[in-house]
Amino acid sequence: MNLTNTGNLVLFDDQNWVVWQSFDHPTTSLLPGKKMFIGEKLKSSISLTNDQEGMYSLQVTDKGLFAYVESNPPQAYCSWLVNRNDTNKGRRYMSLLNGSLEFFIDSSEPGDIPDGVIGIPQSIINSIYEIEAKWSFGSV
């Protein structure tokens, strides 16, 4: 077992192969450098003191980045769309890099320019990397 300097908890088998890592299972936190791929969701907690699942989520899709109110069905209340050209052969993802949420929908190779960048206030970066119920992402 190893806890990396980026916060990834990695479990190894007896031949030193990775069998599980926390970065493959995002819940409420996105740590710097962690890639969140299509199909994965960050979910809010009810409050800072209650870790039960809250009403909000953030998800990468093949169209961009979406914030949802978790209802049945989930309702998108904010989106950052990417004009797609369907040439991307790699996995689409979002990552917390350089003080911003950067998303790679059409570009996913190391060194690519992100398809979208959402700045995060320095005060939030300095304190916590969690989606909280009190955050507001604007409107769709």
C-alpha atoms as a PDB file:
ATOM      1  CA  MET A   1       0.000   0.000   0.000  1.00  0.00           C
ATOM      2  CA  ASN A   2       1.195   3.502  -0.816  1.00  0.00           C
ATOM      3  CA  LEU A   3      -0.238   6.979  -0.274  1.00  0.00           C
ATOM      4  CA  THR A   4       1.281   9.140  -3.005  1.00  0.00           C
ATOM      5  CA  ASN A   5       2.166  12.803  -2.569  1.00  0.00           C
ATOM      6  CA  THR A   6      -0.905  13.639  -4.727  1.00  0.00           C
ATOM      7  CA  GLY A   7      -3.239  11.881  -2.264  1.00  0.00           C
ATOM      8  CA  ASN A   8      -3.804   8.697  -4.278  1.00  0.00           C
ATOM      9  CA  LEU A   9      -4.060   5.603  -2.075  1.00  0.00           C
ATOM     10  CA  VAL A  10      -2.656   2.681  -4.090  1.00  0.00           C
ATOM     11  CA  LEU A  11      -2.919  -1.013  -3.159  1.00  0.00           C
ATOM     12  CA  PHE A  12      -0.485  -3.540  -4.670  1.00  0.00           C
ATOM     13  CA  ASP A  13      -0.546  -7.325  -4.972  1.00  0.00           C
ATOM     14  CA  ASP A  14       2.380  -9.571  -4.023  1.00  0.00           C
ATOM     15  CA  GLN A  15       4.005  -8.948  -7.437  1.00  0.00           C
ATOM     16  CA  ASN A  16       3.767  -5.177  -6.997  1.00  0.00           C
ATOM     17  CA  TRP A  17       0.959  -4.738  -9.557  1.00  0.00           C
ATOM     18  CA  VAL A  18      -1.628  -2.057  -8.810  1.00  0.00           C
ATOM     19  CA  VAL A  19      -4.888  -3.780  -7.851  1.00  0.00           C
ATOM     20  CA  TRP A  20      -6.819  -0.735  -6.644  1.00  0.00           C
ATOM     21  CA  GLN A  21      -6.314   3.004  -6.340  1.00  0.00           C
ATOM     22  CA  SER A  22      -8.491   5.705  -4.868  1.00  0.00           C
ATOM     23  CA  PHE A  23      -8.096   7.954  -7.939  1.00  0.00           C
ATOM     24  CA  ASP A  24     -10.166   5.382  -9.877  1.00  0.00           C
ATOM     25  CA  HIS A  25     -13.104   5.914  -7.500  1.00  0.00           C
ATOM     26  CA  PRO A  26     -13.887   9.615  -7.043  1.00  0.00           C
ATOM     27  CA  THR A  27     -16.534  10.491  -4.485  1.00  0.00           C
ATOM     28  CA  THR A  28     -16.674  14.046  -3.124  1.00  0.00           C
ATOM     29  CA  SER A  29     -13.109  15.227  -3.735  1.00  0.00           C
ATOM     30  CA  LEU A  30     -10.970  15.987  -6.747  1.00  0.00           C
ATOM     31  CA  LEU A  31      -7.312  16.245  -5.846  1.00  0.00           C
ATOM     32  CA  PRO A  32      -4.799  18.113  -8.029  1.00  0.00           C
ATOM     33  CA  GLY A  33      -3.690  15.967 -10.958  1.00  0.00           C
ATOM     34  CA  LYS A  34      -6.439  13.349 -10.598  1.00  0.00           C
ATOM     35  CA  LYS A  35      -8.250  12.681 -13.871  1.00  0.00           C
ATOM     36  CA  MET A  36     -12.020  12.253 -13.693  1.00  0.00           C
ATOM     37  CA  PHE A  37     -13.179  10.290 -16.742  1.00  0.00           C
ATOM     38  CA  ILE A  38     -16.532  10.097 -18.501  1.00  0.00           C
ATOM     39  CA  GLY A  39     -18.978   8.121 -16.356  1.00  0.00           C
ATOM     40  CA  GLU A  40     -17.416   9.166 -13.047  1.00  0.00           C
ATOM     41  CA  LYS A  41     -19.218  11.666 -10.820  1.00  0.00           C
ATOM     42  CA  LEU A  42     -18.233  13.942  -7.984  1.00  0.00           C
ATOM     43  CA  LYS A  43     -21.103  14.216  -5.535  1.00  0.00           C
ATOM     44  CA  SER A  44     -21.628  16.820  -2.869  1.00  0.00           C
ATOM     45  CA  SER A  45     -22.084  15.968   0.750  1.00  0.00           C
ATOM     46  CA  ILE A  46     -25.041  17.359   2.667  1.00  0.00           C
ATOM     47  CA  SER A  47     -22.800  19.754   4.586  1.00  0.00           C
ATOM     48  CA  LEU A  48     -19.264  20.168   5.871  1.00  0.00           C
ATOM     49  CA  THR A  49     -20.170  18.145   8.956  1.00  0.00           C
ATOM     50  CA  ASN A  50     -22.470  15.561   7.288  1.00  0.00           C
ATOM     51  CA  ASP A  51     -20.837  13.283   4.706  1.00  0.00           C
ATOM     52  CA  GLN A  52     -24.105  11.776   3.493  1.00  0.00           C
ATOM     53  CA  GLU A  53     -24.698  12.199  -0.229  1.00  0.00           C
ATOM     54  CA  GLY A  54     -26.016  15.657  -1.101  1.00  0.00           C
ATOM     55  CA  MET A  55     -28.104  17.031  -3.950  1.00  0.00           C
ATOM     56  CA  TYR A  56     -25.380  18.143  -6.372  1.00  0.00           C
ATOM     57  CA  SER A  57     -22.975  16.395  -8.703  1.00  0.00           C
ATOM     58  CA  LEU A  58     -20.390  17.228 -11.341  1.00  0.00           C
ATOM     59  CA  GLN A  59     -19.803  14.959 -14.327  1.00  0.00           C
ATOM     60  CA  VAL A  60     -17.774  14.874 -17.540  1.00  0.00           C
ATOM     61  CA  THR A  61     -19.686  13.734 -20.624  1.00  0.00           C
ATOM     62  CA  ASP A  62     -18.770  13.511 -24.294  1.00  0.00           C
ATOM     63  CA  LYS A  63     -20.356  16.976 -24.680  1.00  0.00           C
ATOM     64  CA  GLY A  64     -18.531  18.781 -21.886  1.00  0.00           C
ATOM     65  CA  LEU A  65     -18.784  19.341 -18.150  1.00  0.00           C
ATOM     66  CA  PHE A  66     -22.170  19.332 -16.397  1.00  0.00           C
ATOM     67  CA  ALA A  67     -23.380  20.224 -12.907  1.00  0.00           C
ATOM     68  CA  TYR A  68     -26.550  18.406 -11.851  1.00  0.00           C
ATOM     69  CA  VAL A  69     -29.201  18.536  -9.180  1.00  0.00           C
ATOM     70  CA  GLU A  70     -29.645  14.879  -8.256  1.00  0.00           C
ATOM     71  CA  SER A  71     -33.317  14.206  -8.885  1.00  0.00           C
ATOM     72  CA  ASN A  72     -35.100  11.521 -10.863  1.00  0.00           C
ATOM     73  CA  PRO A  73     -33.966  12.074 -13.591  1.00  0.00           C
ATOM     74  CA  PRO A  74     -30.963  14.297 -12.740  1.00  0.00           C
ATOM     75  CA  GLN A  75     -31.423  17.900 -13.904  1.00  0.00           C
ATOM     76  CA  ALA A  76     -28.480  19.779 -15.406  1.00  0.00           C
ATOM     77  CA  TYR A  77     -28.352  23.286 -13.991  1.00  0.00           C
ATOM     78  CA  CYS A  78     -25.028  24.353 -15.453  1.00  0.00           C
ATOM     79  CA  SER A  79     -22.904  23.188 -18.356  1.00  0.00           C
ATOM     80  CA  TRP A  80     -19.682  24.005 -20.112  1.00  0.00           C
ATOM     81  CA  LEU A  81     -20.055  22.633 -23.619  1.00  0.00           C
ATOM     82  CA  VAL A  82     -17.229  21.709 -25.961  1.00  0.00           C
ATOM     83  CA  ASN A  83     -17.560  21.857 -29.734  1.00  0.00           C
ATOM     84  CA  ARG A  84     -16.684  18.320 -30.741  1.00  0.00           C
ATOM     85  CA  ASN A  85     -14.960  17.115 -33.860  1.00  0.00           C
ATOM     86  CA  ASP A  86     -14.990  13.401 -32.915  1.00  0.00           C
ATOM     87  CA  THR A  87     -11.302  12.927 -33.669  1.00  0.00           C
ATOM     88  CA  ASN A  88     -10.337  12.090 -30.089  1.00  0.00           C
ATOM     89  CA  LYS A  89      -9.280   8.479 -29.766  1.00  0.00           C
ATOM     90  CA  GLY A  90      -8.268   8.795 -26.113  1.00  0.00           C
ATOM     91  CA  ARG A  91     -10.301   8.836 -22.930  1.00  0.00           C
ATOM     92  CA  ARG A  92     -12.123  12.069 -22.196  1.00  0.00           C
ATOM     93  CA  TYR A  93     -11.615  13.557 -18.740  1.00  0.00           C
ATOM     94  CA  MET A  94     -11.468  16.531 -16.386  1.00  0.00           C
ATOM     95  CA  SER A  95      -8.609  17.314 -14.061  1.00  0.00           C
ATOM     96  CA  LEU A  96      -7.752  19.859 -11.396  1.00  0.00           C
ATOM     97  CA  LEU A  97      -4.574  21.426 -12.767  1.00  0.00           C
ATOM     98  CA  ASN A  98      -2.833  24.763 -12.359  1.00  0.00           C
ATOM     99  CA  GLY A  99      -5.594  26.145 -10.139  1.00  0.00           C
ATOM    100  CA  SER A 100      -8.339  25.376 -12.661  1.00  0.00           C
ATOM    101  CA  LEU A 101     -10.703  22.634 -13.707  1.00  0.00           C
ATOM    102  CA  GLU A 102      -9.422  21.691 -17.140  1.00  0.00           C
ATOM    103  CA  PHE A 103     -11.461  19.426 -19.348  1.00  0.00           C
ATOM    104  CA  PHE A 104     -10.247  17.385 -22.283  1.00  0.00           C
ATOM    105  CA  ILE A 105     -13.069  16.175 -24.518  1.00  0.00           C
ATOM    106  CA  ASP A 106     -11.533  16.408 -27.996  1.00  0.00           C
ATOM    107  CA  SER A 107      -7.941  16.518 -26.769  1.00  0.00           C
ATOM    108  CA  SER A 108      -6.602  14.044 -24.256  1.00  0.00           C
ATOM    109  CA  GLU A 109      -2.927  13.508 -24.945  1.00  0.00           C
ATOM    110  CA  PRO A 110      -0.270  14.820 -22.571  1.00  0.00           C
ATOM    111  CA  GLY A 111       0.662  18.337 -23.609  1.00  0.00           C
ATOM    112  CA  ASP A 112      -2.655  19.006 -25.375  1.00  0.00           C
ATOM    113  CA  ILE A 113      -4.345  22.340 -24.826  1.00  0.00           C
ATOM    114  CA  PRO A 114      -7.511  21.796 -22.757  1.00  0.00           C
ATOM    115  CA  ASP A 115     -10.872  22.155 -24.497  1.00  0.00           C
ATOM    116  CA  GLY A 116     -12.167  24.155 -21.552  1.00  0.00           C
ATOM    117  CA  VAL A 117     -10.792  25.801 -18.428  1.00  0.00           C
ATOM    118  CA  ILE A 118     -12.764  26.966 -15.407  1.00  0.00           C
ATOM    119  CA  GLY A 119     -10.811  29.070 -12.950  1.00  0.00           C
ATOM    120  CA  ILE A 120     -11.186  28.347  -9.252  1.00  0.00           C
ATOM    121  CA  PRO A 121     -10.756  31.190  -6.744  1.00  0.00           C
ATOM    122  CA  GLN A 122      -7.424  30.992  -4.927  1.00  0.00           C
ATOM    123  CA  SER A 123      -9.181  31.048  -1.554  1.00  0.00           C
ATOM    124  CA  ILE A 124     -10.899  27.766  -2.395  1.00  0.00           C
ATOM    125  CA  ILE A 125      -7.733  26.197  -3.795  1.00  0.00           C
ATOM    126  CA  ASN A 126      -5.851  27.060  -0.628  1.00  0.00           C
ATOM    127  CA  SER A 127      -8.419  25.495   1.675  1.00  0.00           C
ATOM    128  CA  ILE A 128     -10.294  22.555   0.184  1.00  0.00           C
ATOM    129  CA  TYR A 129     -10.811  20.647  -3.085  1.00  0.00           C
ATOM    130  CA  GLU A 130     -14.388  19.511  -2.543  1.00  0.00           C
ATOM    131  CA  ILE A 131     -17.688  20.206  -4.169  1.00  0.00           C
ATOM    132  CA  GLU A 132     -19.872  21.428  -1.348  1.00  0.00           C
ATOM    133  CA  ALA A 133     -23.598  21.902  -1.239  1.00  0.00           C
ATOM    134  CA  LYS A 134     -23.115  25.650  -0.863  1.00  0.00           C
ATOM    135  CA  TRP A 135     -21.290  26.078  -4.199  1.00  0.00           C
ATOM    136  CA  SER A 136     -23.190  27.735  -7.016  1.00  0.00           C
ATOM    137  CA  PHE A 137     -22.141  27.095 -10.609  1.00  0.00           C
ATOM    138  CA  GLY A 138     -24.561  29.543 -12.269  1.00  0.00           C
ATOM    139  CA  SER A 139     -27.240  28.494 -14.711  1.00  0.00           C
ATOM    140  CA  VAL A 140     -27.531  26.394 -17.859  1.00  0.00           C
END
